[in-house]
Every structure is written in structure tokens, then in C-alpha cells.
Amino acid sequence: MVLGANGVPLDVGRSERLFRGELRAALVARDRGCAFPGCTRSSDWCEGHHIVHWADGGSTSLTNAALLCGHHHRVVHRGQWQIQMHPHGRPEFIPPAHLDPQQRPRSNTIHLRL
């Protein structure tokens, strides 16, 4: 387990699959709602998504997570959109080539303005 400031767990490795407790609270505090570009869903409607999927060995950690509403969670799992962590510590989304041939990364800034 990796702890952040004030002993808040930011990484529970593979000991747990779900984002719960303090780790979920940290994820909500960072993303503030669905992290998918343009989505306005609040965090109450969202769940933690493993950027490197749990089934592929991904850890349950803040650096491997994005908060997604159910709709965008399904969109991401269909595999057309990719997620990566930007150096500023927030997830960014790479659209499929048919939507943006240059596949420029996008972030959701809506929740940051609230």
C-alpha cells in the first residue's frame, strides 16, 4: 500500500480491485466527476476505471485510475478511446482515428471550473 499526505492510501496494488474508501475519495477529489472529455456527470454517477485493466495486471491506484460514468466506462471498454495519465496527474483521452486523425489527447475541464 502506498500512502499519500496524511496517510491517505493512493495505491492498494492488487490487494483490492474496487476503488473504495480513501482511495475513491482521492479519485473524486482529483477528477470531480466523469473524466471523459465534455461529460458533465457528477462523481455520484461514476466509478473508478483501471487505465491498465485489472485483468491485464493493472493496480488499484490513483495513478492508474479515471473516474467514469457508466456510459463512458462502456465506451472506453469497447476499446476505441485510449486513456493515459498526463504529467500533471489527470487522465487524458485519445480519440479513435476516425474522430481525430491526429489523435490529439483531450481532457475534461468542465469539473475544474465548478
N, C-alpha and C. Protein backbone atom coordinates (compact mmCIF):
# COMPACT_ATOMS: atom_id res chain seq x y z
N MET A 1 0.84 -1.17 0.00
CA MET A 1 0.00 0.00 0.00
C MET A 1 0.89 1.24 0.00
N VAL A 2 0.56 2.19 -0.85
CA VAL A 2 1.27 3.47 -0.91
C VAL A 2 0.37 4.53 -0.30
N LEU A 3 0.92 5.31 0.62
CA LEU A 3 0.15 6.35 1.29
C LEU A 3 0.58 7.72 0.80
N GLY A 4 -0.40 8.60 0.69
CA GLY A 4 -0.13 9.98 0.33
C GLY A 4 -0.09 10.84 1.58
N ALA A 5 -0.35 12.12 1.40
CA ALA A 5 -0.39 13.06 2.53
C ALA A 5 -1.41 12.60 3.57
N ASN A 6 -1.08 12.78 4.80
CA ASN A 6 -1.97 12.42 5.91
C ASN A 6 -2.34 10.94 5.95
N GLY A 7 -1.50 10.09 5.38
CA GLY A 7 -1.73 8.65 5.44
C GLY A 7 -2.85 8.14 4.55
N VAL A 8 -3.29 8.92 3.57
CA VAL A 8 -4.37 8.50 2.67
C VAL A 8 -3.81 7.49 1.67
N PRO A 9 -4.45 6.29 1.57
CA PRO A 9 -3.96 5.29 0.62
C PRO A 9 -4.21 5.72 -0.82
N LEU A 10 -3.14 5.77 -1.61
CA LEU A 10 -3.24 6.14 -3.02
C LEU A 10 -2.99 4.96 -3.94
N ASP A 11 -2.57 3.84 -3.37
CA ASP A 11 -2.28 2.65 -4.16
C ASP A 11 -2.42 1.44 -3.25
N VAL A 12 -3.36 0.56 -3.59
CA VAL A 12 -3.52 -0.67 -2.82
C VAL A 12 -3.06 -1.87 -3.65
N GLY A 13 -2.34 -1.57 -4.74
CA GLY A 13 -1.79 -2.62 -5.58
C GLY A 13 -2.86 -3.53 -6.14
N ARG A 14 -2.66 -4.82 -5.97
CA ARG A 14 -3.64 -5.79 -6.47
C ARG A 14 -4.37 -6.47 -5.32
N SER A 15 -4.26 -5.90 -4.12
CA SER A 15 -4.95 -6.50 -2.97
C SER A 15 -6.46 -6.24 -3.03
N GLU A 16 -6.89 -5.22 -3.76
CA GLU A 16 -8.31 -4.92 -3.95
C GLU A 16 -8.53 -4.48 -5.38
N ARG A 17 -9.68 -4.86 -5.95
CA ARG A 17 -9.99 -4.46 -7.32
C ARG A 17 -10.76 -3.15 -7.36
N LEU A 18 -11.64 -2.93 -6.41
CA LEU A 18 -12.50 -1.74 -6.43
C LEU A 18 -11.85 -0.54 -5.77
N PHE A 19 -12.22 0.64 -6.26
CA PHE A 19 -11.75 1.90 -5.70
C PHE A 19 -12.71 2.28 -4.58
N ARG A 20 -12.28 2.07 -3.34
CA ARG A 20 -13.16 2.32 -2.19
C ARG A 20 -12.48 3.22 -1.18
N GLY A 21 -13.28 3.68 -0.24
CA GLY A 21 -12.77 4.43 0.91
C GLY A 21 -11.96 5.65 0.53
N GLU A 22 -10.80 5.78 1.17
CA GLU A 22 -9.95 6.96 0.97
C GLU A 22 -9.43 7.05 -0.47
N LEU A 23 -9.21 5.90 -1.10
CA LEU A 23 -8.72 5.91 -2.47
C LEU A 23 -9.81 6.48 -3.40
N ARG A 24 -11.05 6.06 -3.22
CA ARG A 24 -12.15 6.63 -4.02
C ARG A 24 -12.29 8.12 -3.73
N ALA A 25 -12.18 8.51 -2.47
CA ALA A 25 -12.28 9.93 -2.11
C ALA A 25 -11.19 10.74 -2.81
N ALA A 26 -9.98 10.21 -2.90
CA ALA A 26 -8.89 10.89 -3.59
C ALA A 26 -9.18 10.99 -5.09
N LEU A 27 -9.75 9.93 -5.66
CA LEU A 27 -10.11 9.92 -7.08
C LEU A 27 -11.20 10.96 -7.36
N VAL A 28 -12.20 11.03 -6.51
CA VAL A 28 -13.28 12.01 -6.65
C VAL A 28 -12.72 13.42 -6.51
N ALA A 29 -11.83 13.64 -5.55
CA ALA A 29 -11.24 14.96 -5.35
C ALA A 29 -10.42 15.39 -6.57
N ARG A 30 -9.74 14.46 -7.21
CA ARG A 30 -8.93 14.79 -8.39
C ARG A 30 -9.80 15.04 -9.62
N ASP A 31 -10.71 14.10 -9.96
CA ASP A 31 -11.47 14.19 -11.21
C ASP A 31 -12.76 14.99 -11.06
N ARG A 32 -13.37 15.00 -9.90
CA ARG A 32 -14.57 15.78 -9.57
C ARG A 32 -15.83 15.36 -10.32
N GLY A 33 -15.76 14.39 -11.15
CA GLY A 33 -16.88 13.90 -11.96
C GLY A 33 -16.30 13.04 -13.06
N CYS A 34 -17.14 12.67 -14.02
CA CYS A 34 -16.65 11.84 -15.13
C CYS A 34 -15.50 12.57 -15.83
N ALA A 35 -14.39 11.87 -15.97
CA ALA A 35 -13.18 12.46 -16.56
C ALA A 35 -13.21 12.49 -18.09
N PHE A 36 -14.22 11.84 -18.70
CA PHE A 36 -14.29 11.80 -20.16
C PHE A 36 -14.54 13.21 -20.70
N PRO A 37 -13.84 13.61 -21.76
CA PRO A 37 -13.97 14.98 -22.29
C PRO A 37 -15.42 15.36 -22.59
N GLY A 38 -15.83 16.49 -22.01
CA GLY A 38 -17.15 17.03 -22.25
C GLY A 38 -18.27 16.49 -21.39
N CYS A 39 -18.03 15.45 -20.60
CA CYS A 39 -19.09 14.86 -19.78
C CYS A 39 -19.33 15.71 -18.53
N THR A 40 -20.60 15.89 -18.19
CA THR A 40 -20.97 16.71 -17.03
C THR A 40 -21.45 15.87 -15.84
N ARG A 41 -21.41 14.56 -15.95
CA ARG A 41 -21.88 13.70 -14.85
C ARG A 41 -21.05 13.93 -13.59
N SER A 42 -21.74 14.05 -12.47
CA SER A 42 -21.06 14.24 -11.19
C SER A 42 -20.45 12.92 -10.71
N SER A 43 -19.61 13.02 -9.71
CA SER A 43 -18.93 11.83 -9.19
C SER A 43 -19.89 10.81 -8.61
N ASP A 44 -21.07 11.24 -8.18
CA ASP A 44 -22.07 10.30 -7.65
C ASP A 44 -22.51 9.28 -8.70
N TRP A 45 -22.37 9.62 -9.96
CA TRP A 45 -22.78 8.76 -11.07
C TRP A 45 -21.61 7.97 -11.65
N CYS A 46 -20.45 8.04 -11.01
CA CYS A 46 -19.23 7.49 -11.61
C CYS A 46 -18.62 6.36 -10.79
N GLU A 47 -17.76 5.62 -11.46
CA GLU A 47 -17.00 4.54 -10.82
C GLU A 47 -15.55 4.65 -11.27
N GLY A 48 -14.68 4.06 -10.50
CA GLY A 48 -13.27 4.06 -10.86
C GLY A 48 -12.99 3.07 -11.98
N HIS A 49 -12.21 3.50 -12.95
CA HIS A 49 -11.81 2.67 -14.07
C HIS A 49 -10.29 2.49 -14.03
N HIS A 50 -9.83 1.25 -14.17
CA HIS A 50 -8.40 0.97 -14.25
C HIS A 50 -7.90 1.31 -15.65
N ILE A 51 -6.95 2.22 -15.78
CA ILE A 51 -6.40 2.59 -17.08
C ILE A 51 -5.70 1.38 -17.69
N VAL A 52 -4.82 0.76 -16.93
CA VAL A 52 -4.31 -0.57 -17.31
C VAL A 52 -5.26 -1.52 -16.59
N HIS A 53 -6.05 -2.23 -17.37
CA HIS A 53 -7.13 -3.04 -16.81
C HIS A 53 -6.65 -4.02 -15.74
N TRP A 54 -7.50 -4.22 -14.76
CA TRP A 54 -7.23 -5.15 -13.66
C TRP A 54 -6.88 -6.53 -14.23
N ALA A 55 -7.64 -6.99 -15.22
CA ALA A 55 -7.41 -8.31 -15.81
C ALA A 55 -6.05 -8.42 -16.49
N ASP A 56 -5.49 -7.28 -16.86
CA ASP A 56 -4.18 -7.25 -17.51
C ASP A 56 -3.05 -6.94 -16.52
N GLY A 57 -3.35 -7.01 -15.23
CA GLY A 57 -2.33 -6.79 -14.21
C GLY A 57 -2.26 -5.38 -13.66
N GLY A 58 -3.21 -4.53 -14.04
CA GLY A 58 -3.22 -3.15 -13.55
C GLY A 58 -3.48 -3.06 -12.06
N SER A 59 -2.87 -2.08 -11.43
CA SER A 59 -3.05 -1.92 -9.99
C SER A 59 -4.23 -1.01 -9.68
N THR A 60 -4.72 -1.11 -8.47
CA THR A 60 -5.77 -0.23 -7.99
C THR A 60 -5.06 0.93 -7.31
N SER A 61 -4.83 1.98 -8.10
CA SER A 61 -4.07 3.13 -7.61
C SER A 61 -4.59 4.40 -8.27
N LEU A 62 -4.33 5.51 -7.63
CA LEU A 62 -4.75 6.80 -8.17
C LEU A 62 -4.09 7.08 -9.52
N THR A 63 -2.86 6.65 -9.69
CA THR A 63 -2.15 6.89 -10.95
C THR A 63 -2.58 5.95 -12.07
N ASN A 64 -3.41 4.97 -11.76
CA ASN A 64 -3.93 4.03 -12.76
C ASN A 64 -5.45 4.10 -12.80
N ALA A 65 -6.01 5.27 -12.51
CA ALA A 65 -7.46 5.38 -12.40
C ALA A 65 -8.01 6.59 -13.11
N ALA A 66 -9.23 6.44 -13.57
CA ALA A 66 -10.02 7.55 -14.09
C ALA A 66 -11.44 7.35 -13.59
N LEU A 67 -12.09 8.41 -13.18
CA LEU A 67 -13.48 8.35 -12.75
C LEU A 67 -14.34 8.48 -14.00
N LEU A 68 -15.21 7.49 -14.24
CA LEU A 68 -16.04 7.48 -15.44
C LEU A 68 -17.49 7.16 -15.10
N CYS A 69 -18.42 7.84 -15.78
CA CYS A 69 -19.83 7.50 -15.66
C CYS A 69 -20.04 6.16 -16.38
N GLY A 70 -21.17 5.52 -16.15
CA GLY A 70 -21.42 4.22 -16.76
C GLY A 70 -21.32 4.23 -18.27
N HIS A 71 -21.89 5.26 -18.91
CA HIS A 71 -21.85 5.34 -20.37
C HIS A 71 -20.42 5.41 -20.88
N HIS A 72 -19.63 6.31 -20.32
CA HIS A 72 -18.25 6.46 -20.82
C HIS A 72 -17.35 5.30 -20.41
N HIS A 73 -17.69 4.64 -19.30
CA HIS A 73 -16.95 3.44 -18.92
C HIS A 73 -17.13 2.38 -20.01
N ARG A 74 -18.35 2.21 -20.49
CA ARG A 74 -18.61 1.25 -21.57
C ARG A 74 -17.92 1.67 -22.86
N VAL A 75 -17.95 2.98 -23.18
CA VAL A 75 -17.27 3.48 -24.38
C VAL A 75 -15.79 3.13 -24.34
N VAL A 76 -15.15 3.36 -23.21
CA VAL A 76 -13.72 3.08 -23.07
C VAL A 76 -13.46 1.57 -23.17
N HIS A 77 -14.32 0.76 -22.57
CA HIS A 77 -14.11 -0.69 -22.63
C HIS A 77 -14.32 -1.26 -24.03
N ARG A 78 -15.04 -0.56 -24.87
CA ARG A 78 -15.18 -1.02 -26.26
C ARG A 78 -13.87 -0.88 -27.02
N GLY A 79 -12.93 -0.10 -26.47
CA GLY A 79 -11.58 -0.07 -27.00
C GLY A 79 -11.25 0.98 -28.02
N GLN A 80 -12.19 1.84 -28.39
CA GLN A 80 -11.84 2.85 -29.39
C GLN A 80 -11.08 4.02 -28.80
N TRP A 81 -11.42 4.41 -27.59
CA TRP A 81 -10.72 5.51 -26.91
C TRP A 81 -9.66 4.92 -26.00
N GLN A 82 -8.51 5.57 -25.95
CA GLN A 82 -7.43 5.16 -25.06
C GLN A 82 -7.28 6.21 -23.95
N ILE A 83 -6.82 5.78 -22.81
CA ILE A 83 -6.59 6.71 -21.70
C ILE A 83 -5.12 6.63 -21.31
N GLN A 84 -4.56 7.79 -21.03
CA GLN A 84 -3.20 7.86 -20.48
C GLN A 84 -3.19 8.93 -19.40
N MET A 85 -2.21 8.87 -18.55
CA MET A 85 -2.09 9.85 -17.49
C MET A 85 -1.17 10.97 -17.96
N HIS A 86 -1.68 12.18 -17.93
CA HIS A 86 -0.89 13.36 -18.31
C HIS A 86 0.11 13.63 -17.19
N PRO A 87 1.26 14.22 -17.48
CA PRO A 87 2.24 14.53 -16.43
C PRO A 87 1.68 15.38 -15.28
N HIS A 88 0.60 16.15 -15.54
CA HIS A 88 0.00 16.95 -14.46
C HIS A 88 -0.82 16.08 -13.50
N GLY A 89 -0.93 14.77 -13.79
CA GLY A 89 -1.57 13.85 -12.87
C GLY A 89 -3.06 13.63 -13.08
N ARG A 90 -3.59 14.05 -14.22
CA ARG A 90 -5.00 13.83 -14.54
C ARG A 90 -5.09 13.01 -15.82
N PRO A 91 -6.15 12.19 -15.93
CA PRO A 91 -6.27 11.36 -17.13
C PRO A 91 -6.59 12.20 -18.37
N GLU A 92 -6.05 11.75 -19.49
CA GLU A 92 -6.41 12.35 -20.77
C GLU A 92 -6.77 11.23 -21.73
N PHE A 93 -7.62 11.55 -22.69
CA PHE A 93 -8.24 10.56 -23.55
C PHE A 93 -7.81 10.78 -24.99
N ILE A 94 -7.44 9.70 -25.65
CA ILE A 94 -7.01 9.76 -27.04
C ILE A 94 -8.14 9.18 -27.89
N PRO A 95 -8.71 10.03 -28.76
CA PRO A 95 -9.85 9.57 -29.56
C PRO A 95 -9.42 8.62 -30.67
N PRO A 96 -10.38 7.84 -31.17
CA PRO A 96 -10.06 6.97 -32.32
C PRO A 96 -9.75 7.83 -33.55
N ALA A 97 -8.99 7.27 -34.47
CA ALA A 97 -8.54 8.00 -35.66
C ALA A 97 -9.70 8.49 -36.52
N HIS A 98 -10.83 7.79 -36.51
CA HIS A 98 -11.94 8.25 -37.36
C HIS A 98 -12.57 9.54 -36.80
N LEU A 99 -12.37 9.84 -35.53
CA LEU A 99 -12.86 11.10 -34.96
C LEU A 99 -11.82 12.20 -35.03
N ASP A 100 -10.56 11.84 -34.90
CA ASP A 100 -9.46 12.81 -34.97
C ASP A 100 -8.26 12.08 -35.55
N PRO A 101 -7.99 12.28 -36.84
CA PRO A 101 -6.87 11.58 -37.48
C PRO A 101 -5.53 11.80 -36.78
N GLN A 102 -5.36 12.94 -36.10
CA GLN A 102 -4.12 13.20 -35.39
C GLN A 102 -4.13 12.62 -33.98
N GLN A 103 -5.27 12.15 -33.54
CA GLN A 103 -5.46 11.54 -32.22
C GLN A 103 -4.84 12.38 -31.10
N ARG A 104 -5.24 13.65 -31.07
CA ARG A 104 -4.76 14.56 -30.03
C ARG A 104 -5.42 14.24 -28.70
N PRO A 105 -4.65 14.12 -27.63
CA PRO A 105 -5.21 13.85 -26.30
C PRO A 105 -6.14 14.98 -25.86
N ARG A 106 -7.21 14.58 -25.16
CA ARG A 106 -8.20 15.53 -24.65
C ARG A 106 -8.45 15.28 -23.18
N SER A 107 -8.76 16.34 -22.47
CA SER A 107 -9.09 16.23 -21.05
C SER A 107 -10.44 16.88 -20.80
N ASN A 108 -11.08 16.49 -19.74
CA ASN A 108 -12.33 17.13 -19.32
C ASN A 108 -11.99 18.26 -18.38
N THR A 109 -12.30 19.48 -18.75
CA THR A 109 -12.03 20.64 -17.88
C THR A 109 -13.31 21.20 -17.27
N ILE A 110 -14.46 20.62 -17.59
CA ILE A 110 -15.74 21.11 -17.10
C ILE A 110 -15.79 21.10 -15.57
N HIS A 111 -15.40 20.00 -14.96
CA HIS A 111 -15.49 19.87 -13.50
C HIS A 111 -14.49 20.77 -12.78
N LEU A 112 -13.43 21.14 -13.46
CA LEU A 112 -12.44 22.02 -12.85
C LEU A 112 -12.95 23.45 -12.69
N ARG A 113 -13.94 23.81 -13.53
CA ARG A 113 -14.50 25.17 -13.49
C ARG A 113 -15.59 25.31 -12.44
N LEU A 114 -16.11 24.21 -11.95
CA LEU A 114 -17.23 24.27 -10.99
C LEU A 114 -16.78 24.65 -9.60
